[in-house]
C-alpha atoms as a PDB file:
ATOM      1  CA  UNK A   1     146.050 -15.042 -98.605  1.00  0.00           C
ATOM      2  CA  UNK A   2     146.465 -18.292 -99.611  1.00  0.00           C
ATOM      3  CA  UNK A   3     145.705 -18.403-103.570  1.00  0.00           C
ATOM      4  CA  UNK A   4     144.753 -22.339-103.468  1.00  0.00           C
ATOM      5  CA  UNK A   5     141.292 -23.266-102.627  1.00  0.00           C
ATOM      6  CA  UNK A   6     142.236 -26.448-101.421  1.00  0.00           C
ATOM      7  CA  UNK A   7     144.648 -25.217 -99.366  1.00  0.00           C
ATOM      8  CA  UNK A   8     142.285 -21.843 -98.044  1.00  0.00           C
ATOM      9  CA  UNK A   9     139.471 -24.307 -97.570  1.00  0.00           C
ATOM     10  CA  UNK A  10     138.499 -27.911 -96.673  1.00  0.00           C
ATOM     11  CA  UNK A  11     136.258 -28.926 -99.585  1.00  0.00           C
ATOM     12  CA  UNK A  12     134.497 -32.166 -98.598  1.00  0.00           C
ATOM     13  CA  UNK A  13     132.632 -33.990-101.552  1.00  0.00           C
ATOM     14  CA  UNK A  14     134.181 -31.656-104.301  1.00  0.00           C
ATOM     15  CA  UNK A  15     132.607 -33.302-106.864  1.00  0.00           C
ATOM     16  CA  UNK A  16     129.570 -33.481-105.797  1.00  0.00           C
ATOM     17  CA  UNK A  17     129.432 -29.680-105.098  1.00  0.00           C
ATOM     18  CA  UNK A  18     130.472 -29.160-108.702  1.00  0.00           C
ATOM     19  CA  UNK A  19     127.829 -31.574-109.951  1.00  0.00           C
ATOM     20  CA  UNK A  20     125.213 -29.167-108.113  1.00  0.00           C
ATOM     21  CA  UNK A  21     127.074 -25.765-109.157  1.00  0.00           C
ATOM     22  CA  UNK A  22     126.561 -27.031-112.955  1.00  0.00           C
ATOM     23  CA  UNK A  23     122.972 -27.747-112.132  1.00  0.00           C
ATOM     24  CA  UNK A  24     122.246 -24.984-110.601  1.00  0.00           C
ATOM     25  CA  UNK A  25     124.438 -22.395-113.356  1.00  0.00           C
ATOM     26  CA  UNK A  26     123.460 -21.099-116.523  1.00  0.00           C
ATOM     27  CA  UNK A  27     123.215 -24.237-119.154  1.00  0.00           C
ATOM     28  CA  UNK A  28     126.730 -24.166-120.245  1.00  0.00           C
ATOM     29  CA  UNK A  29     128.884 -27.627-121.543  1.00  0.00           C
ATOM     30  CA  UNK A  30     131.980 -27.966-118.957  1.00  0.00           C
ATOM     31  CA  UNK A  31     133.351 -30.960-121.050  1.00  0.00           C
ATOM     32  CA  UNK A  32     136.466 -31.285-123.350  1.00  0.00           C
ATOM     33  CA  UNK A  33     135.939 -31.954-126.713  1.00  0.00           C
ATOM     34  CA  UNK A  34     138.915 -34.870-125.963  1.00  0.00           C
ATOM     35  CA  UNK A  35     138.062 -37.090-123.008  1.00  0.00           C
ATOM     36  CA  UNK A  36     141.025 -37.184-121.080  1.00  0.00           C
ATOM     37  CA  UNK A  37     140.770 -40.159-119.018  1.00  0.00           C
ATOM     38  CA  UNK A  38     143.598 -39.697-116.850  1.00  0.00           C
ATOM     39  CA  UNK A  39     141.653 -36.275-115.442  1.00  0.00           C
ATOM     40  CA  UNK A  40     140.059 -37.477-112.193  1.00  0.00           C
ATOM     41  CA  UNK A  41     137.248 -35.273-113.286  1.00  0.00           C
ATOM     42  CA  UNK A  42     135.599 -36.387-116.409  1.00  0.00           C
ATOM     43  CA  UNK A  43     132.517 -34.576-115.730  1.00  0.00           C
ATOM     44  CA  UNK A  44     132.860 -30.822-115.539  1.00  0.00           C
ATOM     45  CA  UNK A  45     136.783 -30.354-115.863  1.00  0.00           C
ATOM     46  CA  UNK A  46     136.199 -26.749-117.331  1.00  0.00           C
ATOM     47  CA  UNK A  47     133.863 -25.917-114.379  1.00  0.00           C
ATOM     48  CA  UNK A  48     136.578 -27.120-112.121  1.00  0.00           C
ATOM     49  CA  UNK A  49     139.173 -24.974-113.705  1.00  0.00           C
ATOM     50  CA  UNK A  50     137.214 -21.933-113.737  1.00  0.00           C
ATOM     51  CA  UNK A  51     136.392 -21.920-109.856  1.00  0.00           C
ATOM     52  CA  UNK A  52     139.915 -22.738-108.964  1.00  0.00           C
ATOM     53  CA  UNK A  53     141.122 -20.159-111.046  1.00  0.00           C
ATOM     54  CA  UNK A  54     138.219 -17.354-110.050  1.00  0.00           C
ATOM     55  CA  UNK A  55     139.515 -18.344-106.484  1.00  0.00           C
ATOM     56  CA  UNK A  56     142.984 -17.930-107.377  1.00  0.00           C
ATOM     57  CA  UNK A  57     142.083 -13.975-109.225  1.00  0.00           C
ATOM     58  CA  UNK A  58     140.379 -13.146-106.239  1.00  0.00           C
ATOM     59  CA  UNK A  59     143.016 -14.075-103.652  1.00  0.00           C
ATOM     60  CA  UNK A  60     145.321 -12.012-105.993  1.00  0.00           C
ATOM     61  CA  UNK A  61     143.493  -8.755-105.999  1.00  0.00           C
ATOM     62  CA  UNK A  62     142.925  -9.208-101.916  1.00  0.00           C
ATOM     63  CA  UNK A  63     146.384  -8.912-101.321  1.00  0.00           C
ATOM     64  CA  UNK A  64     146.834  -5.871-103.266  1.00  0.00           C
ATOM     65  CA  UNK A  65     143.752  -4.548-101.828  1.00  0.00           C
ATOM     66  CA  UNK A  66     143.390  -1.582 -99.124  1.00  0.00           C
ATOM     67  CA  UNK A  67     141.475  -2.475 -96.296  1.00  0.00           C
ATOM     68  CA  UNK A  68     138.367  -1.487 -97.214  1.00  0.00           C
ATOM     69  CA  UNK A  69     138.728  -2.752-100.546  1.00  0.00           C
ATOM     70  CA  UNK A  70     139.019  -6.605 -99.190  1.00  0.00           C
ATOM     71  CA  UNK A  71     135.566  -6.763 -97.800  1.00  0.00           C
ATOM     72  CA  UNK A  72     134.186  -6.255-101.833  1.00  0.00           C
ATOM     73  CA  UNK A  73     136.382  -8.762-103.074  1.00  0.00           C
ATOM     74  CA  UNK A  74     135.631 -11.802 -99.733  1.00  0.00           C
ATOM     75  CA  UNK A  75     132.877 -11.092 -97.484  1.00  0.00           C
ATOM     76  CA  UNK A  76     133.553 -12.852 -93.801  1.00  0.00           C
ATOM     77  CA  UNK A  77     130.929 -12.012 -90.873  1.00  0.00           C
ATOM     78  CA  UNK A  78     132.111  -9.937 -87.784  1.00  0.00           C
ATOM     79  CA  UNK A  79     131.449 -13.868 -85.262  1.00  0.00           C
ATOM     80  CA  UNK A  80     133.620 -15.122 -88.325  1.00  0.00           C
ATOM     81  CA  UNK A  81     131.332 -18.106 -88.871  1.00  0.00           C
ATOM     82  CA  UNK A  82     130.496 -17.491 -92.830  1.00  0.00           C
ATOM     83  CA  UNK A  83     132.363 -16.416 -95.642  1.00  0.00           C
ATOM     84  CA  UNK A  84     131.376 -16.457 -98.806  1.00  0.00           C
ATOM     85  CA  UNK A  85     133.110 -15.208-102.382  1.00  0.00           C
ATOM     86  CA  UNK A  86     131.616 -14.244-105.823  1.00  0.00           C
ATOM     87  CA  UNK A  87     131.833 -16.454-108.671  1.00  0.00           C
ATOM     88  CA  UNK A  88     131.450 -14.821-111.662  1.00  0.00           C
ATOM     89  CA  UNK A  89     128.621 -17.741-112.585  1.00  0.00           C
ATOM     90  CA  UNK A  90     124.899 -16.687-112.853  1.00  0.00           C
ATOM     91  CA  UNK A  91     121.693 -19.179-112.349  1.00  0.00           C
ATOM     92  CA  UNK A  92     119.055 -19.670-115.027  1.00  0.00           C
ATOM     93  CA  UNK A  93     117.305 -16.860-113.580  1.00  0.00           C
ATOM     94  CA  UNK A  94     120.100 -14.736-113.574  1.00  0.00           C
ATOM     95  CA  UNK A  95     121.061 -14.335-110.189  1.00  0.00           C
ATOM     96  CA  UNK A  96     124.904 -14.360-108.886  1.00  0.00           C
ATOM     97  CA  UNK A  97     125.948 -17.314-107.824  1.00  0.00           C
ATOM     98  CA  UNK A  98     128.306 -17.390-104.772  1.00  0.00           C
ATOM     99  CA  UNK A  99     130.958 -20.208-103.285  1.00  0.00           C
ATOM    100  CA  UNK A 100     129.677 -20.198 -99.039  1.00  0.00           C
ATOM    101  CA  UNK A 101     131.877 -21.393 -96.458  1.00  0.00           C
ATOM    102  CA  UNK A 102     131.711 -22.229 -92.850  1.00  0.00           C
ATOM    103  CA  UNK A 103     134.286 -23.068 -90.170  1.00  0.00           C
ATOM    104  CA  UNK A 104     136.007 -25.992 -90.730  1.00  0.00           C
ATOM    105  CA  UNK A 105     135.231 -28.621 -88.023  1.00  0.00           C
ATOM    106  CA  UNK A 106     137.999 -30.125 -88.194  1.00  0.00           C
ATOM    107  CA  UNK A 107     141.196 -28.966 -85.799  1.00  0.00           C
ATOM    108  CA  UNK A 108     143.998 -27.819 -86.936  1.00  0.00           C
ATOM    109  CA  UNK A 109     143.059 -27.956 -90.830  1.00  0.00           C
ATOM    110  CA  UNK A 110     142.101 -25.013 -92.800  1.00  0.00           C
ATOM    111  CA  UNK A 111     139.741 -22.476 -91.323  1.00  0.00           C
ATOM    112  CA  UNK A 112     137.443 -22.458 -93.635  1.00  0.00           C
ATOM    113  CA  UNK A 113     135.273 -25.373 -95.311  1.00  0.00           C
ATOM    114  CA  UNK A 114     133.740 -24.823 -98.157  1.00  0.00           C
ATOM    115  CA  UNK A 115     129.807 -25.736 -97.642  1.00  0.00           C
ATOM    116  CA  UNK A 116     128.377 -25.250-101.323  1.00  0.00           C
ATOM    117  CA  UNK A 117     127.146 -22.879-104.253  1.00  0.00           C
ATOM    118  CA  UNK A 118     124.126 -20.465-103.963  1.00  0.00           C
ATOM    119  CA  UNK A 119     122.499 -17.797-104.915  1.00  0.00           C
ATOM    120  CA  UNK A 120     121.552 -14.524-102.760  1.00  0.00           C
ATOM    121  CA  UNK A 121     118.120 -16.051-101.953  1.00  0.00           C
ATOM    122  CA  UNK A 122     119.392 -18.982 -99.798  1.00  0.00           C
ATOM    123  CA  UNK A 123     118.990 -17.728 -95.963  1.00  0.00           C
ATOM    124  CA  UNK A 124     122.833 -18.103 -95.802  1.00  0.00           C
ATOM    125  CA  UNK A 125     122.693 -14.492 -97.108  1.00  0.00           C
ATOM    126  CA  UNK A 126     120.065 -12.873 -94.977  1.00  0.00           C
ATOM    127  CA  UNK A 127     121.927 -11.110 -92.653  1.00  0.00           C
ATOM    128  CA  UNK A 128     124.700  -9.993 -95.081  1.00  0.00           C
ATOM    129  CA  UNK A 129     124.031  -6.128 -96.288  1.00  0.00           C
ATOM    130  CA  UNK A 130     126.345  -5.986 -99.075  1.00  0.00           C
ATOM    131  CA  UNK A 131     127.783  -8.759-100.881  1.00  0.00           C
ATOM    132  CA  UNK A 132     131.062  -9.051-102.531  1.00  0.00           C
ATOM    133  CA  UNK A 133     131.986  -8.021-106.629  1.00  0.00           C
ATOM    134  CA  UNK A 134     133.197 -10.642-108.814  1.00  0.00           C
ATOM    135  CA  UNK A 135     137.098 -10.617-110.079  1.00  0.00           C
ATOM    136  CA  UNK A 136     138.234  -7.998-112.160  1.00  0.00           C
ATOM    137  CA  UNK A 137     140.673  -9.129-114.987  1.00  0.00           C
ATOM    138  CA  UNK A 138     141.118  -5.492-117.141  1.00  0.00           C
ATOM    139  CA  UNK A 139     141.169  -2.273-116.447  1.00  0.00           C
ATOM    140  CA  UNK A 140     139.533  -0.938-119.788  1.00  0.00           C
ATOM    141  CA  UNK A 141     136.782  -3.356-121.773  1.00  0.00           C
ATOM    142  CA  UNK A 142     138.899  -2.163-124.988  1.00  0.00           C
ATOM    143  CA  UNK A 143     141.662  -4.256-124.028  1.00  0.00           C
ATOM    144  CA  UNK A 144     139.347  -7.593-124.952  1.00  0.00           C
ATOM    145  CA  UNK A 145     139.174  -5.925-128.766  1.00  0.00           C
ATOM    146  CA  UNK A 146     142.309  -7.228-131.089  1.00  0.00           C
ATOM    147  CA  UNK A 147     144.458  -4.266-133.098  1.00  0.00           C
ATOM    148  CA  UNK A 148     144.112  -5.461-136.331  1.00  0.00           C
ATOM    149  CA  UNK A 149     146.737  -2.563-137.012  1.00  0.00           C
ATOM    150  CA  UNK A 150     149.338  -4.016-134.957  1.00  0.00           C
ATOM    151  CA  UNK A 151     151.773  -6.355-136.894  1.00  0.00           C
ATOM    152  CA  UNK A 152     151.208 -10.265-135.639  1.00  0.00           C
ATOM    153  CA  UNK A 153     155.301 -11.808-134.997  1.00  0.00           C
ATOM    154  CA  UNK A 154     154.995 -15.513-135.113  1.00  0.00           C
ATOM    155  CA  UNK A 155     157.631 -17.399-134.344  1.00  0.00           C
ATOM    156  CA  UNK A 156     157.194 -20.430-136.479  1.00  0.00           C
ATOM    157  CA  UNK A 157     160.214 -22.218-135.348  1.00  0.00           C
ATOM    158  CA  UNK A 158     159.552 -22.181-131.503  1.00  0.00           C
ATOM    159  CA  UNK A 159     156.030 -23.701-132.321  1.00  0.00           C
ATOM    160  CA  UNK A 160     156.895 -25.801-134.897  1.00  0.00           C
ATOM    161  CA  UNK A 161     159.846 -27.118-133.603  1.00  0.00           C
ATOM    162  CA  UNK A 162     158.920 -27.810-130.214  1.00  0.00           C
ATOM    163  CA  UNK A 163     157.626 -31.604-129.746  1.00  0.00           C
ATOM    164  CA  UNK A 164     155.231 -30.320-126.998  1.00  0.00           C
ATOM    165  CA  UNK A 165     153.432 -27.972-129.888  1.00  0.00           C
ATOM    166  CA  UNK A 166     153.522 -29.799-132.690  1.00  0.00           C
ATOM    167  CA  UNK A 167     151.844 -32.658-130.775  1.00  0.00           C
ATOM    168  CA  UNK A 168     148.524 -30.458-130.514  1.00  0.00           C
ATOM    169  CA  UNK A 169     148.710 -30.401-134.472  1.00  0.00           C
ATOM    170  CA  UNK A 170     146.166 -32.620-136.243  1.00  0.00           C
ATOM    171  CA  UNK A 171     148.288 -36.372-136.729  1.00  0.00           C
ATOM    172  CA  UNK A 172     148.632 -36.527-140.174  1.00  0.00           C
ATOM    173  CA  UNK A 173     149.870 -32.962-140.832  1.00  0.00           C
ATOM    174  CA  UNK A 174     152.899 -33.287-138.247  1.00  0.00           C
ATOM    175  CA  UNK A 175     155.376 -34.203-140.846  1.00  0.00           C
ATOM    176  CA  UNK A 176     154.265 -32.794-143.812  1.00  0.00           C
ATOM    177  CA  UNK A 177     157.052 -31.341-145.812  1.00  0.00           C
ATOM    178  CA  UNK A 178     155.434 -27.993-146.376  1.00  0.00           C
ATOM    179  CA  UNK A 179     154.106 -27.752-143.028  1.00  0.00           C
ATOM    180  CA  UNK A 180     155.704 -24.388-142.303  1.00  0.00           C
ATOM    181  CA  UNK A 181     154.266 -22.484-145.326  1.00  0.00           C
ATOM    182  CA  UNK A 182     150.930 -24.344-144.309  1.00  0.00           C
ATOM    183  CA  UNK A 183     151.124 -23.012-140.512  1.00  0.00           C
ATOM    184  CA  UNK A 184     152.084 -19.384-142.251  1.00  0.00           C
ATOM    185  CA  UNK A 185     148.881 -19.675-144.608  1.00  0.00           C
ATOM    186  CA  UNK A 186     146.941 -20.685-141.517  1.00  0.00           C
ATOM    187  CA  UNK A 187     147.724 -17.010-139.839  1.00  0.00           C
ATOM    188  CA  UNK A 188     147.532 -15.117-142.487  1.00  0.00           C
ATOM    189  CA  UNK A 189     143.712 -16.523-142.943  1.00  0.00           C
ATOM    190  CA  UNK A 190     143.276 -16.217-139.432  1.00  0.00           C
ATOM    191  CA  UNK A 191     143.828 -12.311-139.501  1.00  0.00           C
ATOM    192  CA  UNK A 192     141.443 -12.042-142.272  1.00  0.00           C
ATOM    193  CA  UNK A 193     138.867 -13.873-139.912  1.00  0.00           C
ATOM    194  CA  UNK A 194     139.285 -11.312-137.174  1.00  0.00           C
ATOM    195  CA  UNK A 195     139.834  -8.667-139.505  1.00  0.00           C
ATOM    196  CA  UNK A 196     135.807  -9.181-140.750  1.00  0.00           C
ATOM    197  CA  UNK A 197     134.918 -10.279-137.574  1.00  0.00           C
ATOM    198  CA  UNK A 198     136.679  -9.048-134.216  1.00  0.00           C
ATOM    199  CA  UNK A 199     135.166 -11.640-132.285  1.00  0.00           C
ATOM    200  CA  UNK A 200     137.311 -14.184-134.380  1.00  0.00           C
ATOM    201  CA  UNK A 201     139.904 -13.075-131.515  1.00  0.00           C
ATOM    202  CA  UNK A 202     139.110 -14.255-128.434  1.00  0.00           C
ATOM    203  CA  UNK A 203     140.346 -13.024-125.182  1.00  0.00           C
ATOM    204  CA  UNK A 204     141.893 -15.131-122.545  1.00  0.00           C
ATOM    205  CA  UNK A 205     143.534 -14.249-119.259  1.00  0.00           C
ATOM    206  CA  UNK A 206     147.283 -15.915-118.729  1.00  0.00           C
ATOM    207  CA  UNK A 207     149.984 -15.383-116.769  1.00  0.00           C
ATOM    208  CA  UNK A 208     148.317 -11.909-115.125  1.00  0.00           C
ATOM    209  CA  UNK A 209     147.736 -10.452-118.959  1.00  0.00           C
ATOM    210  CA  UNK A 210     144.760 -10.257-121.059  1.00  0.00           C
ATOM    211  CA  UNK A 211     146.069 -12.588-124.194  1.00  0.00           C
ATOM    212  CA  UNK A 212     144.445 -13.055-127.444  1.00  0.00           C
ATOM    213  CA  UNK A 213     143.337 -16.720-128.915  1.00  0.00           C
ATOM    214  CA  UNK A 214     144.097 -17.189-132.862  1.00  0.00           C
ATOM    215  CA  UNK A 215     141.627 -19.609-135.024  1.00  0.00           C
ATOM    216  CA  UNK A 216     144.477 -21.693-137.136  1.00  0.00           C
ATOM    217  CA  UNK A 217     142.452 -23.597-139.614  1.00  0.00           C
ATOM    218  CA  UNK A 218     145.259 -26.157-141.543  1.00  0.00           C
ATOM    219  CA  UNK A 219     142.943 -28.939-142.732  1.00  0.00           C
ATOM    220  CA  UNK A 220     140.327 -26.802-144.327  1.00  0.00           C
ATOM    221  CA  UNK A 221     139.211 -22.812-144.417  1.00  0.00           C
ATOM    222  CA  UNK A 222     136.528 -23.723-142.683  1.00  0.00           C
ATOM    223  CA  UNK A 223     137.811 -26.248-139.848  1.00  0.00           C
ATOM    224  CA  UNK A 224     139.903 -24.911-136.997  1.00  0.00           C
ATOM    225  CA  UNK A 225     142.448 -27.187-135.676  1.00  0.00           C
ATOM    226  CA  UNK A 226     143.790 -25.172-132.932  1.00  0.00           C
ATOM    227  CA  UNK A 227     144.803 -21.588-131.169  1.00  0.00           C
ATOM    228  CA  UNK A 228     147.306 -19.650-131.411  1.00  0.00           C
ATOM    229  CA  UNK A 229     147.655 -17.931-128.519  1.00  0.00           C
ATOM    230  CA  UNK A 230     149.434 -14.201-128.864  1.00  0.00           C
ATOM    231  CA  UNK A 231     150.742 -11.630-126.152  1.00  0.00           C
ATOM    232  CA  UNK A 232     150.740  -8.399-126.543  1.00  0.00           C
ATOM    233  CA  UNK A 233     154.244  -5.909-126.217  1.00  0.00           C
ATOM    234  CA  UNK A 234     154.630  -2.246-127.161  1.00  0.00           C
ATOM    235  CA  UNK A 235     153.696  -1.786-131.159  1.00  0.00           C
ATOM    236  CA  UNK A 236     153.300  -5.501-131.401  1.00  0.00           C
ATOM    237  CA  UNK A 237     151.632  -8.963-130.853  1.00  0.00           C
ATOM    238  CA  UNK A 238     153.560 -12.068-130.531  1.00  0.00           C
ATOM    239  CA  UNK A 239     152.682 -15.243-131.164  1.00  0.00           C
ATOM    240  CA  UNK A 240     155.115 -18.484-129.367  1.00  0.00           C
ATOM    241  CA  UNK A 241     152.904 -21.358-128.909  1.00  0.00           C
ATOM    242  CA  UNK A 242     149.505 -23.152-130.021  1.00  0.00           C
ATOM    243  CA  UNK A 243     146.520 -24.662-127.984  1.00  0.00           C
ATOM    244  CA  UNK A 244     144.969 -27.353-128.277  1.00  0.00           C
ATOM    245  CA  UNK A 245     141.049 -26.078-128.618  1.00  0.00           C
ATOM    246  CA  UNK A 246     140.373 -27.529-125.171  1.00  0.00           C
ATOM    247  CA  UNK A 247     143.039 -25.606-123.654  1.00  0.00           C
ATOM    248  CA  UNK A 248     142.051 -22.695-125.440  1.00  0.00           C
ATOM    249  CA  UNK A 249     138.372 -22.932-124.324  1.00  0.00           C
ATOM    250  CA  UNK A 250     139.909 -23.240-120.509  1.00  0.00           C
ATOM    251  CA  UNK A 251     141.971 -20.333-120.379  1.00  0.00           C
ATOM    252  CA  UNK A 252     139.294 -17.942-122.616  1.00  0.00           C
ATOM    253  CA  UNK A 253     136.472 -19.397-120.121  1.00  0.00           C
ATOM    254  CA  UNK A 254     138.055 -17.427-117.036  1.00  0.00           C
ATOM    255  CA  UNK A 255     137.125 -14.342-118.893  1.00  0.00           C
ATOM    256  CA  UNK A 256     133.241 -14.888-120.104  1.00  0.00           C
ATOM    257  CA  UNK A 257     131.748 -18.066-122.074  1.00  0.00           C
ATOM    258  CA  UNK A 258     133.590 -16.886-125.446  1.00  0.00           C
ATOM    259  CA  UNK A 259     130.995 -15.497-127.712  1.00  0.00           C
ATOM    260  CA  UNK A 260     132.791 -16.599-131.171  1.00  0.00           C
ATOM    261  CA  UNK A 261     132.104 -19.426-134.104  1.00  0.00           C
ATOM    262  CA  UNK A 262     135.020 -21.075-133.547  1.00  0.00           C
ATOM    263  CA  UNK A 263     135.509 -21.518-129.779  1.00  0.00           C
ATOM    264  CA  UNK A 264     133.204 -24.220-128.048  1.00  0.00           C
ATOM    265  CA  UNK A 265     133.702 -26.477-125.363  1.00  0.00           C
END
């Protein structure tokens, strides 16, 4: 199945549909903390990323599903006149929001056209007996809990030596002679915060796996400057890159709205 939403369907008035979805869904801030004027979408870029990657995950599951399971991911009517999928979002009355598609009227293009986003009170769903489920990213809820008993190995040389990573640090700290020691202390503090409250380790879905985001405080013990991305290996965790808080939230939001005191949009 085509995993790119825009390859799968014609999406006219995309920005307008996203704005309507934002108003329909539970109240969230879908903007980045740091403005990115080079982005076409500056109104709700996190929501845009969320929908695109939710579709990609559902397409991934669809390709690996049995014939009987496929309809649980994408509902398609027998006459081929409608299709929908579960966005994983909820309205302010906690009704599930679905993405709704109709045949694309433009010949020789994508088969489907995105009509919009609605809950099941929309007449679109009146003849649908069983609606599709949401995307699944893990087999066991325990995968979302960081195991503090396991060793954490951090490749500081890679993180602090690569310009791509260093540029994500606060500018005033990038060239400090003791940056290596400062970063090490920040990692140790992050681990203490996770031991005190498991929610401090925020799960994210990246590259097909559940990973974790740890708060890195460099400016002060209470100021989170960036996030350490941590991947689980056999018997230990390894951190090889850092992310800005916008990047971290963008990744974490795919699983759920992060329930932490440090990662906010």
